[in-house]
Each structure stands twice: as structure tokens, then as C-alpha cells.
N, C-alpha and C. Protein backbone atom coordinates (compact mmCIF):
# COMPACT_ATOMS: atom_id res chain seq x y z
N MET A 1 -25.36 -10.24 16.93
CA MET A 1 -24.77 -11.58 17.17
C MET A 1 -25.75 -12.73 17.41
N TYR A 2 -26.86 -12.49 18.15
CA TYR A 2 -27.83 -13.51 18.18
C TYR A 2 -28.58 -13.83 17.05
N GLN A 3 -28.60 -12.92 16.11
CA GLN A 3 -29.35 -13.24 14.84
C GLN A 3 -28.38 -14.06 13.97
N VAL A 4 -27.17 -13.84 13.94
CA VAL A 4 -26.29 -14.53 13.16
C VAL A 4 -26.09 -16.01 13.70
N VAL A 5 -26.09 -16.17 14.98
CA VAL A 5 -25.97 -17.51 15.45
C VAL A 5 -27.27 -18.31 15.14
N ARG A 6 -28.55 -17.63 15.35
CA ARG A 6 -29.80 -18.24 15.13
C ARG A 6 -29.78 -18.67 13.52
N ALA A 7 -29.37 -17.76 12.70
CA ALA A 7 -29.45 -18.12 11.31
C ALA A 7 -28.63 -19.28 10.94
N ARG A 8 -27.33 -19.34 11.56
CA ARG A 8 -26.45 -20.49 11.34
C ARG A 8 -27.09 -21.71 11.98
N LEU A 9 -27.59 -21.81 13.02
CA LEU A 9 -28.09 -22.96 13.68
C LEU A 9 -29.33 -23.55 12.65
N CYS A 10 -30.19 -22.52 12.41
CA CYS A 10 -31.34 -22.84 11.47
C CYS A 10 -30.79 -23.42 10.12
N ALA A 11 -29.70 -22.90 9.65
CA ALA A 11 -29.18 -23.46 8.38
C ALA A 11 -28.74 -24.95 8.64
N LEU A 12 -28.15 -25.16 9.75
CA LEU A 12 -27.58 -26.53 10.02
C LEU A 12 -28.75 -27.45 10.38
N VAL A 13 -29.62 -27.15 11.13
CA VAL A 13 -30.77 -28.00 11.74
C VAL A 13 -31.90 -28.16 10.58
N CYS A 14 -32.25 -27.07 9.98
CA CYS A 14 -33.32 -27.13 8.96
C CYS A 14 -32.92 -27.69 7.64
N GLY A 15 -31.67 -27.82 7.47
CA GLY A 15 -31.23 -28.27 6.18
C GLY A 15 -31.25 -27.30 4.91
N ALA A 16 -31.13 -25.87 5.54
CA ALA A 16 -31.30 -24.85 4.58
C ALA A 16 -30.05 -24.95 3.55
N GLY A 17 -30.10 -24.21 2.35
CA GLY A 17 -29.00 -24.36 1.51
C GLY A 17 -27.80 -23.46 2.02
N THR A 18 -26.82 -23.28 1.17
CA THR A 18 -25.80 -22.61 1.40
C THR A 18 -25.88 -21.14 1.31
N ALA A 19 -27.03 -20.66 0.62
CA ALA A 19 -27.29 -19.27 0.60
C ALA A 19 -27.43 -18.69 1.83
N LEU A 20 -28.17 -19.38 2.68
CA LEU A 20 -28.38 -18.84 4.01
C LEU A 20 -27.13 -18.56 4.92
N ARG A 21 -26.31 -19.53 4.83
CA ARG A 21 -25.04 -19.45 5.47
C ARG A 21 -24.06 -18.49 4.94
N ARG A 22 -24.21 -18.27 3.62
CA ARG A 22 -23.43 -17.21 3.09
C ARG A 22 -23.90 -15.75 3.52
N ARG A 23 -25.08 -15.54 3.65
CA ARG A 23 -25.70 -14.32 4.00
C ARG A 23 -25.42 -14.19 5.39
N ALA A 24 -25.40 -15.15 6.16
CA ALA A 24 -25.07 -15.02 7.63
C ALA A 24 -23.58 -14.52 7.73
N VAL A 25 -22.70 -15.22 7.04
CA VAL A 25 -21.32 -14.74 7.00
C VAL A 25 -21.00 -13.41 6.50
N ARG A 26 -21.66 -13.01 5.51
CA ARG A 26 -21.56 -11.70 4.90
C ARG A 26 -22.10 -10.65 5.95
N GLN A 27 -23.14 -10.82 6.66
CA GLN A 27 -23.63 -10.03 7.66
C GLN A 27 -22.61 -9.77 8.73
N ASP A 28 -22.10 -10.88 9.17
CA ASP A 28 -21.00 -10.99 10.23
C ASP A 28 -19.86 -10.15 9.84
N LEU A 29 -19.34 -10.34 8.65
CA LEU A 29 -18.15 -9.75 8.23
C LEU A 29 -18.49 -8.24 7.94
N ARG A 30 -19.62 -7.80 7.63
CA ARG A 30 -20.01 -6.46 7.33
C ARG A 30 -20.14 -5.60 8.73
N ARG A 31 -20.49 -6.39 9.75
CA ARG A 31 -20.66 -5.69 11.06
C ARG A 31 -19.26 -5.36 11.65
N ASP A 32 -18.36 -6.22 11.48
CA ASP A 32 -17.01 -5.91 12.04
C ASP A 32 -15.98 -5.08 11.21
N ALA A 33 -16.48 -4.69 10.18
CA ALA A 33 -15.56 -4.05 9.16
C ALA A 33 -14.92 -2.78 9.65
N GLY A 34 -15.58 -2.00 10.45
CA GLY A 34 -14.97 -0.70 11.01
C GLY A 34 -14.05 -0.91 12.22
N MET A 35 -14.13 -2.03 12.76
CA MET A 35 -13.44 -2.23 14.05
C MET A 35 -11.71 -2.52 13.86
N VAL A 36 -11.40 -2.96 12.69
CA VAL A 36 -10.10 -3.31 12.51
C VAL A 36 -9.10 -2.06 12.53
N THR A 37 -9.56 -1.00 12.01
CA THR A 37 -8.69 0.22 12.07
C THR A 37 -8.52 0.70 13.43
N SER A 38 -9.61 0.77 14.35
CA SER A 38 -9.37 1.20 15.55
C SER A 38 -8.53 0.33 16.45
N GLU A 39 -8.68 -0.96 16.21
CA GLU A 39 -7.83 -1.80 16.93
C GLU A 39 -6.47 -1.75 16.70
N TYR A 40 -5.99 -1.44 15.35
CA TYR A 40 -4.69 -1.29 15.04
C TYR A 40 -4.19 0.15 15.72
N ALA A 41 -5.07 1.13 15.69
CA ALA A 41 -4.68 2.41 16.11
C ALA A 41 -4.38 2.28 17.59
N MET A 42 -5.19 1.69 18.44
CA MET A 42 -5.06 1.41 19.84
C MET A 42 -3.87 0.59 20.02
N GLY A 43 -3.55 -0.33 19.28
CA GLY A 43 -2.26 -1.19 19.37
C GLY A 43 -1.07 -0.24 19.08
N ILE A 44 -1.06 0.57 18.21
CA ILE A 44 0.10 1.48 17.87
C ILE A 44 0.32 2.50 19.09
N VAL A 45 -0.83 3.11 19.55
CA VAL A 45 -0.69 3.94 20.68
C VAL A 45 -0.07 3.30 21.86
N ALA A 46 -0.51 2.06 22.12
CA ALA A 46 0.00 1.38 23.31
C ALA A 46 1.48 0.99 23.18
N ALA A 47 1.95 0.61 22.01
CA ALA A 47 3.29 0.38 21.68
C ALA A 47 4.04 1.61 21.83
N VAL A 48 3.65 2.55 21.37
CA VAL A 48 4.52 3.95 21.51
C VAL A 48 4.49 4.35 22.94
N ALA A 49 3.56 4.17 23.65
CA ALA A 49 3.53 4.54 24.99
C ALA A 49 4.54 3.47 25.82
N PHE A 50 4.43 2.30 25.50
CA PHE A 50 5.48 1.40 26.12
C PHE A 50 6.97 1.69 25.70
N ALA A 51 7.10 2.09 24.44
CA ALA A 51 8.49 2.47 23.99
C ALA A 51 9.01 3.67 24.79
N VAL A 52 8.20 4.72 24.97
CA VAL A 52 8.55 5.90 25.66
C VAL A 52 8.93 5.59 27.08
N VAL A 53 8.07 4.82 27.72
CA VAL A 53 8.45 4.28 29.13
C VAL A 53 9.58 3.70 29.16
N LEU A 54 9.89 2.67 28.31
CA LEU A 54 11.13 1.93 28.28
C LEU A 54 12.34 2.91 28.13
N TYR A 55 12.15 3.84 27.16
CA TYR A 55 13.29 4.59 26.83
C TYR A 55 13.63 5.56 28.07
N LYS A 56 12.54 5.90 28.82
CA LYS A 56 12.88 6.82 29.99
C LYS A 56 13.63 5.85 31.07
N VAL A 57 13.21 4.72 31.19
CA VAL A 57 13.87 3.79 32.21
C VAL A 57 15.32 3.47 31.74
N VAL A 58 15.46 3.33 30.56
CA VAL A 58 16.87 2.86 30.14
C VAL A 58 17.77 4.12 30.27
N THR A 59 17.32 5.27 30.05
CA THR A 59 18.16 6.48 29.98
C THR A 59 18.33 7.25 31.38
N SER A 60 17.62 6.55 32.39
CA SER A 60 17.61 7.14 33.61
C SER A 60 19.05 6.87 34.27
N GLY A 61 19.49 7.55 35.18
CA GLY A 61 21.07 7.48 35.60
C GLY A 61 21.38 6.13 36.18
N THR A 62 20.47 5.69 37.10
CA THR A 62 20.84 4.39 37.73
C THR A 62 20.77 3.23 36.75
N VAL A 63 19.82 3.12 35.89
CA VAL A 63 19.92 2.02 34.97
C VAL A 63 20.98 2.10 33.99
N SER A 64 21.25 3.42 33.50
CA SER A 64 22.40 3.56 32.56
C SER A 64 23.67 3.07 33.18
N ALA A 65 24.02 3.56 34.38
CA ALA A 65 25.01 3.05 35.01
C ALA A 65 25.25 1.73 35.10
N GLU A 66 24.22 1.01 35.38
CA GLU A 66 24.26 -0.43 35.65
C GLU A 66 24.44 -1.14 34.19
N LEU A 67 23.84 -0.57 33.18
CA LEU A 67 24.10 -1.18 31.80
C LEU A 67 25.53 -1.00 31.47
N GLN A 68 26.21 0.25 31.63
CA GLN A 68 27.39 0.30 31.39
C GLN A 68 28.39 -0.46 32.10
N GLY A 69 28.01 -0.73 33.47
CA GLY A 69 28.84 -1.66 34.20
C GLY A 69 28.88 -3.11 33.59
N ILE A 70 27.69 -3.59 33.15
CA ILE A 70 27.39 -4.81 32.67
C ILE A 70 28.24 -5.02 31.34
N VAL A 71 28.27 -4.03 30.43
CA VAL A 71 28.97 -3.92 29.25
C VAL A 71 30.48 -3.92 29.58
N LYS A 72 30.90 -3.15 30.38
CA LYS A 72 32.30 -3.18 30.63
C LYS A 72 32.93 -4.27 31.30
N GLY A 73 32.15 -4.94 32.14
CA GLY A 73 32.44 -6.19 32.73
C GLY A 73 32.73 -7.29 31.51
N ALA A 74 31.64 -7.33 30.69
CA ALA A 74 31.55 -8.26 29.68
C ALA A 74 32.78 -8.11 28.67
N LEU A 75 33.16 -6.86 28.40
CA LEU A 75 34.35 -6.54 27.68
C LEU A 75 35.70 -6.88 28.24
N ASN A 76 35.73 -6.77 29.53
CA ASN A 76 37.08 -7.02 30.31
C ASN A 76 37.11 -8.49 30.75
N ALA A 77 36.10 -9.28 30.52
CA ALA A 77 36.14 -10.66 31.00
C ALA A 77 37.24 -11.29 30.32
N ARG A 78 38.07 -12.18 30.99
CA ARG A 78 39.08 -13.09 30.53
C ARG A 78 38.55 -14.52 30.50
N MET A 79 39.07 -15.21 29.44
CA MET A 79 38.72 -16.46 29.15
C MET A 79 39.77 -17.44 29.53
């Protein structure tokens, strides 16, 4: 990280050409290439875990009875 920042600052301050900036960007992109897949995998695992917990809560007896009461009340409402 430090080398990339230093290269970019040197390119800006010293007036170096665009080649140095391109090289710094390429190095930065190459370093982060393997992180994307693991981030997606962790996001999917977290989403599945949240879905399982939500399913267990909604299908529990107390919550299920409350949801059925709300639906019945809404269907029996008079205007």
C-alpha cells in the first residue's frame, strides 16, 4: 500500500509520465484480485445464516400465531 501511494505521489509531484501512474494502478489491481471471491463467499454465508435464523423465528409457535392473527384481522376488517 505504501509503495503504491508513494509512486502516485511521486508521479504527481515530480511530473512523471502516465506510464508510472498506469504501473501503480496495475499493481494495485493485481494485489486485490483474489479478495473478491472470498468477499462474495463470506457475504453469501452471512445471508444464508440470516435467512435460517429468520425462518426459525417466523416458524416458531408464538410468532406464527401472531402473524396469523394479524392476517385474520386484516381480512376481517370492515371499511
